């Protein structure tokens, strides 16, 4: 792990942070067999169950057309299925299929293994601090919607 700067106000972090975040996002998505958008959509369906496009869009912080576009390949691959609403046959919900749940489980496992390898030399405190700071960063992004 690189040494932390002696001066916490070191300006190099300001210029390096956007780059490091972009590198992280790209490299972590390459590590799985799902792209970032597919992973997040499957995670949302796994967490909250079947949902309509509008509900998924709100949960993911994107517009409905984006969810529709992201769901198309997942539907083709049978990772997601359309379920009719019992009260209104015209309306549909998207649901995780058993095949999708299996793929998601594999990607989760591979990501955990990768992160475990990358942080193997870190102390428990360093891992906890990294997780807390990354969660704070992500929460800040969520708050900007």
N, C-alpha and C. Protein backbone atom coordinates (compact mmCIF):
# COMPACT_ATOMS: atom_id res chain seq x y z
N UNK A 1 0.85 -1.18 0.00
CA UNK A 1 0.00 0.00 0.00
C UNK A 1 0.89 1.23 0.00
N UNK A 2 0.58 2.21 -0.86
CA UNK A 2 1.41 3.42 -0.88
C UNK A 2 1.32 4.16 0.44
N UNK A 3 2.39 4.87 0.75
CA UNK A 3 2.40 5.68 1.96
C UNK A 3 1.43 6.84 1.80
N UNK A 4 0.78 7.18 2.90
CA UNK A 4 -0.08 8.36 2.90
C UNK A 4 0.80 9.59 2.97
N UNK A 5 0.38 10.68 2.32
CA UNK A 5 1.20 11.90 2.39
C UNK A 5 1.29 12.40 3.82
N UNK A 6 2.44 12.97 4.14
CA UNK A 6 2.63 13.53 5.48
C UNK A 6 1.66 14.67 5.73
N UNK A 7 1.40 15.44 4.70
CA UNK A 7 0.48 16.58 4.79
C UNK A 7 -0.88 16.15 4.25
N UNK A 8 -1.90 16.05 5.11
CA UNK A 8 -3.22 15.61 4.64
C UNK A 8 -3.84 16.55 3.61
N UNK A 9 -3.34 17.77 3.52
CA UNK A 9 -3.86 18.72 2.54
C UNK A 9 -3.09 18.66 1.23
N UNK A 10 -2.30 17.62 1.05
CA UNK A 10 -1.49 17.46 -0.17
C UNK A 10 -2.39 17.57 -1.41
N UNK A 11 -2.06 18.49 -2.29
CA UNK A 11 -2.88 18.77 -3.47
C UNK A 11 -2.79 17.68 -4.54
N UNK A 12 -1.79 16.82 -4.47
CA UNK A 12 -1.71 15.74 -5.46
C UNK A 12 -2.93 14.84 -5.39
N UNK A 13 -3.48 14.65 -4.21
CA UNK A 13 -4.67 13.81 -4.07
C UNK A 13 -5.84 14.40 -4.85
N UNK A 14 -5.96 15.72 -4.81
CA UNK A 14 -7.05 16.37 -5.55
C UNK A 14 -6.96 16.09 -7.04
N UNK A 15 -5.77 16.10 -7.58
CA UNK A 15 -5.62 15.86 -9.01
C UNK A 15 -5.62 14.38 -9.34
N UNK A 16 -5.19 13.54 -8.44
CA UNK A 16 -5.11 12.11 -8.69
C UNK A 16 -6.41 11.37 -8.41
N UNK A 17 -7.23 11.89 -7.51
CA UNK A 17 -8.44 11.17 -7.11
C UNK A 17 -9.39 10.88 -8.28
N UNK A 18 -9.72 11.84 -9.13
CA UNK A 18 -10.60 11.51 -10.26
C UNK A 18 -10.03 10.42 -11.16
N UNK A 19 -8.74 10.47 -11.40
CA UNK A 19 -8.10 9.44 -12.22
C UNK A 19 -8.18 8.08 -11.54
N UNK A 20 -7.86 8.02 -10.25
CA UNK A 20 -7.86 6.76 -9.53
C UNK A 20 -9.27 6.16 -9.46
N UNK A 21 -10.27 6.99 -9.30
CA UNK A 21 -11.66 6.51 -9.28
C UNK A 21 -12.01 5.90 -10.63
N UNK A 22 -11.64 6.58 -11.72
CA UNK A 22 -11.92 6.07 -13.06
C UNK A 22 -11.20 4.75 -13.32
N UNK A 23 -9.95 4.66 -12.91
CA UNK A 23 -9.19 3.42 -13.08
C UNK A 23 -9.84 2.29 -12.29
N UNK A 24 -10.22 2.58 -11.05
CA UNK A 24 -10.89 1.58 -10.21
C UNK A 24 -12.16 1.05 -10.89
N UNK A 25 -13.01 1.97 -11.35
CA UNK A 25 -14.28 1.57 -11.97
C UNK A 25 -14.05 0.69 -13.18
N UNK A 26 -13.08 1.06 -13.99
CA UNK A 26 -12.81 0.27 -15.20
C UNK A 26 -12.24 -1.10 -14.85
N UNK A 27 -11.29 -1.15 -13.96
CA UNK A 27 -10.62 -2.41 -13.65
C UNK A 27 -11.53 -3.38 -12.90
N UNK A 28 -12.38 -2.88 -12.02
CA UNK A 28 -13.26 -3.78 -11.28
C UNK A 28 -14.31 -4.36 -12.20
N UNK A 29 -14.77 -3.60 -13.19
CA UNK A 29 -15.78 -4.13 -14.10
C UNK A 29 -15.17 -5.16 -15.05
N UNK A 30 -13.90 -4.99 -15.40
CA UNK A 30 -13.23 -5.96 -16.26
C UNK A 30 -13.03 -7.28 -15.51
N UNK A 31 -12.95 -7.22 -14.19
CA UNK A 31 -12.70 -8.41 -13.39
C UNK A 31 -13.88 -9.37 -13.37
N UNK A 32 -15.06 -8.90 -13.68
CA UNK A 32 -16.23 -9.76 -13.68
C UNK A 32 -16.63 -10.15 -15.07
N UNK A 33 -17.62 -11.01 -15.17
CA UNK A 33 -18.09 -11.41 -16.48
C UNK A 33 -19.35 -10.63 -16.86
N UNK A 34 -19.69 -9.64 -16.07
CA UNK A 34 -20.81 -8.74 -16.36
C UNK A 34 -20.29 -7.32 -16.39
N UNK A 35 -20.84 -6.51 -17.29
CA UNK A 35 -20.43 -5.11 -17.23
C UNK A 35 -21.08 -4.45 -16.02
N UNK A 36 -20.62 -3.26 -15.71
CA UNK A 36 -21.07 -2.56 -14.50
C UNK A 36 -22.57 -2.37 -14.48
N UNK A 37 -23.16 -1.95 -15.59
CA UNK A 37 -24.60 -1.70 -15.63
C UNK A 37 -25.39 -2.99 -15.39
N UNK A 38 -24.98 -4.07 -16.03
CA UNK A 38 -25.66 -5.35 -15.85
C UNK A 38 -25.53 -5.83 -14.41
N UNK A 39 -24.34 -5.70 -13.85
CA UNK A 39 -24.11 -6.11 -12.47
C UNK A 39 -25.04 -5.36 -11.52
N UNK A 40 -25.11 -4.04 -11.68
CA UNK A 40 -25.94 -3.23 -10.79
C UNK A 40 -27.42 -3.55 -10.95
N UNK A 41 -27.87 -3.78 -12.18
CA UNK A 41 -29.27 -4.12 -12.41
C UNK A 41 -29.61 -5.47 -11.79
N UNK A 42 -28.75 -6.45 -11.98
CA UNK A 42 -28.99 -7.77 -11.37
C UNK A 42 -28.94 -7.68 -9.84
N UNK A 43 -28.01 -6.90 -9.32
CA UNK A 43 -27.93 -6.71 -7.85
C UNK A 43 -29.22 -6.11 -7.32
N UNK A 44 -29.76 -5.12 -8.03
CA UNK A 44 -31.01 -4.47 -7.59
C UNK A 44 -32.16 -5.47 -7.60
N UNK A 45 -32.26 -6.27 -8.64
CA UNK A 45 -33.33 -7.27 -8.70
C UNK A 45 -33.16 -8.33 -7.63
N UNK A 46 -31.93 -8.71 -7.35
CA UNK A 46 -31.67 -9.70 -6.30
C UNK A 46 -32.04 -9.14 -4.92
N UNK A 47 -31.77 -7.87 -4.71
CA UNK A 47 -32.03 -7.25 -3.40
C UNK A 47 -33.51 -7.01 -3.16
N UNK A 48 -34.20 -6.49 -4.17
CA UNK A 48 -35.59 -6.05 -3.95
C UNK A 48 -36.64 -6.87 -4.68
N UNK A 49 -36.22 -7.84 -5.47
CA UNK A 49 -37.18 -8.67 -6.18
C UNK A 49 -37.69 -7.99 -7.45
N UNK A 50 -38.67 -8.62 -8.10
CA UNK A 50 -39.20 -8.10 -9.36
C UNK A 50 -39.66 -6.65 -9.23
N UNK A 51 -39.42 -5.90 -10.29
CA UNK A 51 -39.78 -4.47 -10.28
C UNK A 51 -40.04 -4.00 -11.70
N UNK A 52 -40.84 -2.95 -11.80
CA UNK A 52 -41.06 -2.36 -13.12
C UNK A 52 -39.87 -1.46 -13.47
N UNK A 53 -39.80 -1.07 -14.72
CA UNK A 53 -38.67 -0.28 -15.22
C UNK A 53 -38.57 1.04 -14.47
N UNK A 54 -39.69 1.68 -14.21
CA UNK A 54 -39.66 2.98 -13.53
C UNK A 54 -39.08 2.84 -12.12
N UNK A 55 -39.46 1.81 -11.40
CA UNK A 55 -38.95 1.57 -10.05
C UNK A 55 -37.46 1.28 -10.09
N UNK A 56 -37.03 0.47 -11.05
CA UNK A 56 -35.61 0.16 -11.18
C UNK A 56 -34.81 1.42 -11.52
N UNK A 57 -35.35 2.23 -12.42
CA UNK A 57 -34.66 3.46 -12.80
C UNK A 57 -34.47 4.37 -11.59
N UNK A 58 -35.49 4.51 -10.78
CA UNK A 58 -35.38 5.35 -9.58
C UNK A 58 -34.34 4.79 -8.61
N UNK A 59 -34.34 3.48 -8.42
CA UNK A 59 -33.39 2.86 -7.49
C UNK A 59 -31.95 2.98 -7.98
N UNK A 60 -31.76 2.95 -9.29
CA UNK A 60 -30.41 2.99 -9.85
C UNK A 60 -29.95 4.41 -10.19
N UNK A 61 -30.86 5.37 -10.10
CA UNK A 61 -30.50 6.75 -10.38
C UNK A 61 -30.29 7.04 -11.86
N UNK A 62 -31.06 6.35 -12.71
CA UNK A 62 -30.98 6.57 -14.15
C UNK A 62 -32.39 6.76 -14.68
N UNK A 63 -32.53 7.05 -15.97
CA UNK A 63 -33.89 7.19 -16.51
C UNK A 63 -34.39 5.84 -17.02
N UNK A 64 -35.68 5.76 -17.24
CA UNK A 64 -36.33 4.50 -17.64
C UNK A 64 -35.78 3.95 -18.95
N UNK A 65 -35.48 4.83 -19.89
CA UNK A 65 -34.95 4.35 -21.17
C UNK A 65 -33.59 3.67 -20.99
N UNK A 66 -32.81 4.14 -20.03
CA UNK A 66 -31.52 3.51 -19.75
C UNK A 66 -31.72 2.11 -19.21
N UNK A 67 -32.66 1.94 -18.28
CA UNK A 67 -32.95 0.60 -17.74
C UNK A 67 -33.43 -0.32 -18.86
N UNK A 68 -34.32 0.18 -19.71
CA UNK A 68 -34.83 -0.63 -20.81
C UNK A 68 -33.67 -1.09 -21.71
N UNK A 69 -32.77 -0.18 -22.03
CA UNK A 69 -31.61 -0.51 -22.87
C UNK A 69 -30.68 -1.50 -22.16
N UNK A 70 -30.46 -1.31 -20.86
CA UNK A 70 -29.57 -2.20 -20.12
C UNK A 70 -30.19 -3.59 -19.92
N UNK A 71 -31.51 -3.64 -19.83
CA UNK A 71 -32.18 -4.92 -19.61
C UNK A 71 -32.24 -5.77 -20.87
N UNK A 72 -32.20 -5.16 -22.04
CA UNK A 72 -32.36 -5.90 -23.30
C UNK A 72 -31.39 -7.08 -23.43
N UNK A 73 -30.08 -6.88 -23.25
CA UNK A 73 -29.19 -8.05 -23.36
C UNK A 73 -29.40 -9.07 -22.25
N UNK A 74 -29.80 -8.61 -21.08
CA UNK A 74 -30.06 -9.53 -19.97
C UNK A 74 -31.29 -10.39 -20.26
N UNK A 75 -32.27 -9.80 -20.92
CA UNK A 75 -33.45 -10.57 -21.34
C UNK A 75 -33.07 -11.59 -22.41
N UNK A 76 -32.25 -11.17 -23.38
CA UNK A 76 -31.81 -12.09 -24.45
C UNK A 76 -31.02 -13.27 -23.88
N UNK A 77 -30.19 -12.99 -22.88
CA UNK A 77 -29.37 -14.04 -22.27
C UNK A 77 -30.14 -14.85 -21.23
N UNK A 78 -31.40 -14.48 -21.00
CA UNK A 78 -32.29 -15.14 -20.04
C UNK A 78 -31.79 -15.02 -18.60
N UNK A 79 -31.08 -13.92 -18.32
CA UNK A 79 -30.66 -13.62 -16.95
C UNK A 79 -31.78 -12.90 -16.21
N UNK A 80 -32.66 -12.28 -16.99
CA UNK A 80 -33.81 -11.54 -16.49
C UNK A 80 -35.01 -11.97 -17.32
N UNK A 81 -36.18 -12.00 -16.69
CA UNK A 81 -37.42 -12.34 -17.40
C UNK A 81 -38.47 -11.28 -17.14
N UNK A 82 -39.41 -11.18 -18.06
CA UNK A 82 -40.56 -10.28 -17.88
C UNK A 82 -41.68 -11.07 -17.20
N UNK A 83 -42.25 -10.47 -16.15
CA UNK A 83 -43.38 -11.06 -15.45
C UNK A 83 -44.57 -10.12 -15.58
N UNK A 84 -45.74 -10.64 -15.95
CA UNK A 84 -46.91 -9.74 -16.02
C UNK A 84 -47.42 -9.42 -14.62
N UNK A 85 -47.99 -8.21 -14.49
CA UNK A 85 -48.70 -7.86 -13.26
C UNK A 85 -50.02 -8.62 -13.29
N UNK A 86 -50.40 -9.25 -12.21
CA UNK A 86 -51.68 -9.96 -12.21
C UNK A 86 -52.88 -9.04 -12.47
N UNK A 87 -52.84 -7.83 -11.96
CA UNK A 87 -53.98 -6.92 -12.09
C UNK A 87 -54.02 -6.21 -13.45
N UNK A 88 -52.90 -6.14 -14.14
CA UNK A 88 -52.85 -5.42 -15.41
C UNK A 88 -51.89 -6.15 -16.34
N UNK A 89 -52.42 -6.95 -17.21
CA UNK A 89 -51.60 -7.79 -18.10
C UNK A 89 -50.72 -6.96 -19.05
N UNK A 90 -51.06 -5.69 -19.25
CA UNK A 90 -50.24 -4.85 -20.12
C UNK A 90 -48.94 -4.45 -19.45
N UNK A 91 -48.93 -4.36 -18.14
CA UNK A 91 -47.75 -3.94 -17.38
C UNK A 91 -46.88 -5.16 -17.08
N UNK A 92 -45.56 -4.94 -17.07
CA UNK A 92 -44.64 -6.04 -16.75
C UNK A 92 -43.63 -5.58 -15.70
N UNK A 93 -43.10 -6.57 -15.02
CA UNK A 93 -42.00 -6.36 -14.09
C UNK A 93 -40.82 -7.18 -14.61
N UNK A 94 -39.63 -6.74 -14.29
CA UNK A 94 -38.44 -7.52 -14.60
C UNK A 94 -38.07 -8.32 -13.35
N UNK A 95 -37.66 -9.56 -13.57
CA UNK A 95 -37.31 -10.44 -12.46
C UNK A 95 -36.02 -11.19 -12.78
N UNK A 96 -35.24 -11.42 -11.77
CA UNK A 96 -34.02 -12.21 -11.89
C UNK A 96 -34.41 -13.67 -12.12
N UNK A 97 -33.82 -14.32 -13.09
CA UNK A 97 -34.08 -15.74 -13.34
C UNK A 97 -33.07 -16.57 -12.54
N UNK A 98 -33.30 -17.88 -12.42
CA UNK A 98 -32.29 -18.72 -11.77
C UNK A 98 -30.93 -18.64 -12.48
N UNK A 99 -30.94 -18.55 -13.80
CA UNK A 99 -29.69 -18.40 -14.54
C UNK A 99 -29.01 -17.08 -14.17
N UNK A 100 -29.79 -16.01 -14.06
CA UNK A 100 -29.25 -14.71 -13.66
C UNK A 100 -28.71 -14.73 -12.25
N UNK A 101 -29.42 -15.40 -11.35
CA UNK A 101 -28.96 -15.49 -9.96
C UNK A 101 -27.64 -16.25 -9.89
N UNK A 102 -27.51 -17.29 -10.70
CA UNK A 102 -26.26 -18.05 -10.73
C UNK A 102 -25.10 -17.23 -11.26
N UNK A 103 -25.35 -16.49 -12.34
CA UNK A 103 -24.30 -15.63 -12.92
C UNK A 103 -23.90 -14.56 -11.91
N UNK A 104 -24.88 -13.95 -11.26
CA UNK A 104 -24.60 -12.92 -10.27
C UNK A 104 -23.78 -13.49 -9.12
N UNK A 105 -24.11 -14.68 -8.67
CA UNK A 105 -23.36 -15.33 -7.57
C UNK A 105 -21.91 -15.55 -7.98
N UNK A 106 -21.67 -15.98 -9.22
CA UNK A 106 -20.30 -16.19 -9.70
C UNK A 106 -19.52 -14.87 -9.75
N UNK A 107 -20.16 -13.83 -10.25
CA UNK A 107 -19.49 -12.53 -10.34
C UNK A 107 -19.19 -12.00 -8.94
N UNK A 108 -20.15 -12.13 -8.04
CA UNK A 108 -19.91 -11.68 -6.66
C UNK A 108 -18.71 -12.42 -6.06
N UNK A 109 -18.67 -13.73 -6.25
CA UNK A 109 -17.58 -14.54 -5.71
C UNK A 109 -16.24 -14.12 -6.30
N UNK A 110 -16.20 -13.92 -7.63
CA UNK A 110 -14.95 -13.50 -8.28
C UNK A 110 -14.50 -12.14 -7.78
N UNK A 111 -15.44 -11.22 -7.58
CA UNK A 111 -15.07 -9.89 -7.08
C UNK A 111 -14.56 -9.97 -5.65
N UNK A 112 -15.23 -10.78 -4.82
CA UNK A 112 -14.75 -10.94 -3.43
C UNK A 112 -13.34 -11.52 -3.42
N UNK A 113 -13.11 -12.54 -4.28
CA UNK A 113 -11.78 -13.14 -4.35
C UNK A 113 -10.74 -12.12 -4.79
N UNK A 114 -11.06 -11.34 -5.83
CA UNK A 114 -10.15 -10.34 -6.33
C UNK A 114 -9.83 -9.30 -5.25
N UNK A 115 -10.86 -8.79 -4.61
CA UNK A 115 -10.64 -7.78 -3.57
C UNK A 115 -9.86 -8.39 -2.41
N UNK A 116 -10.14 -9.65 -2.09
CA UNK A 116 -9.37 -10.33 -1.04
C UNK A 116 -7.90 -10.43 -1.39
N UNK A 117 -7.62 -10.77 -2.66
CA UNK A 117 -6.22 -10.84 -3.11
C UNK A 117 -5.56 -9.47 -3.06
N UNK A 118 -6.26 -8.46 -3.54
CA UNK A 118 -5.68 -7.13 -3.61
C UNK A 118 -5.44 -6.50 -2.24
N UNK A 119 -6.23 -6.90 -1.26
CA UNK A 119 -6.09 -6.32 0.08
C UNK A 119 -5.49 -7.31 1.08
N UNK A 120 -4.94 -8.40 0.58
CA UNK A 120 -4.40 -9.44 1.47
C UNK A 120 -3.32 -8.90 2.40
N UNK A 121 -2.53 -7.96 1.94
CA UNK A 121 -1.47 -7.40 2.76
C UNK A 121 -1.91 -6.24 3.64
N UNK A 122 -3.18 -5.90 3.56
CA UNK A 122 -3.70 -4.79 4.35
C UNK A 122 -4.11 -5.29 5.73
N UNK A 123 -4.08 -4.40 6.68
CA UNK A 123 -4.59 -4.75 8.00
C UNK A 123 -6.12 -4.68 7.97
N UNK A 124 -6.74 -5.26 8.95
CA UNK A 124 -8.20 -5.19 9.06
C UNK A 124 -8.64 -3.72 9.16
N UNK A 125 -7.85 -2.92 9.85
CA UNK A 125 -8.18 -1.50 9.99
C UNK A 125 -8.11 -0.78 8.64
N UNK A 126 -7.10 -1.09 7.83
CA UNK A 126 -6.98 -0.48 6.51
C UNK A 126 -8.16 -0.86 5.61
N UNK A 127 -8.55 -2.14 5.66
CA UNK A 127 -9.71 -2.57 4.86
C UNK A 127 -10.98 -1.87 5.33
N UNK A 128 -11.16 -1.76 6.63
CA UNK A 128 -12.35 -1.10 7.17
C UNK A 128 -12.35 0.39 6.80
N UNK A 129 -11.21 1.03 6.88
CA UNK A 129 -11.11 2.45 6.53
C UNK A 129 -11.40 2.66 5.04
N UNK A 130 -10.82 1.82 4.20
CA UNK A 130 -11.07 1.92 2.76
C UNK A 130 -12.56 1.74 2.46
N UNK A 131 -13.16 0.75 3.08
CA UNK A 131 -14.59 0.49 2.88
C UNK A 131 -15.43 1.68 3.35
N UNK A 132 -15.11 2.22 4.51
CA UNK A 132 -15.87 3.35 5.04
C UNK A 132 -15.73 4.58 4.15
N UNK A 133 -14.53 4.84 3.67
CA UNK A 133 -14.32 6.01 2.81
C UNK A 133 -14.98 5.81 1.44
N UNK A 134 -14.91 4.60 0.91
CA UNK A 134 -15.55 4.34 -0.38
C UNK A 134 -17.07 4.43 -0.24
N UNK A 135 -17.62 3.93 0.85
CA UNK A 135 -19.06 4.05 1.09
C UNK A 135 -19.46 5.52 1.23
N UNK A 136 -18.67 6.29 1.91
CA UNK A 136 -18.95 7.73 2.06
C UNK A 136 -18.92 8.42 0.70
N UNK A 137 -17.95 8.06 -0.12
CA UNK A 137 -17.83 8.61 -1.46
C UNK A 137 -19.07 8.24 -2.29
N UNK A 138 -19.44 6.97 -2.27
CA UNK A 138 -20.63 6.52 -3.02
C UNK A 138 -21.92 7.18 -2.52
N UNK A 139 -22.03 7.32 -1.21
CA UNK A 139 -23.21 8.00 -0.65
C UNK A 139 -23.29 9.44 -1.11
N UNK A 140 -22.13 10.09 -1.22
CA UNK A 140 -22.09 11.46 -1.71
C UNK A 140 -22.59 11.54 -3.15
N UNK A 141 -22.25 10.56 -3.96
CA UNK A 141 -22.75 10.51 -5.34
C UNK A 141 -24.25 10.30 -5.35
N UNK A 142 -24.73 9.43 -4.49
CA UNK A 142 -26.17 9.16 -4.41
C UNK A 142 -26.95 10.40 -4.02
N UNK A 143 -26.39 11.17 -3.10
CA UNK A 143 -27.05 12.39 -2.63
C UNK A 143 -27.15 13.45 -3.72
N UNK A 144 -26.34 13.35 -4.77
CA UNK A 144 -26.34 14.35 -5.84
C UNK A 144 -27.40 14.14 -6.88
N UNK A 145 -28.11 13.03 -6.82
CA UNK A 145 -29.17 12.75 -7.82
C UNK A 145 -30.27 13.77 -7.74
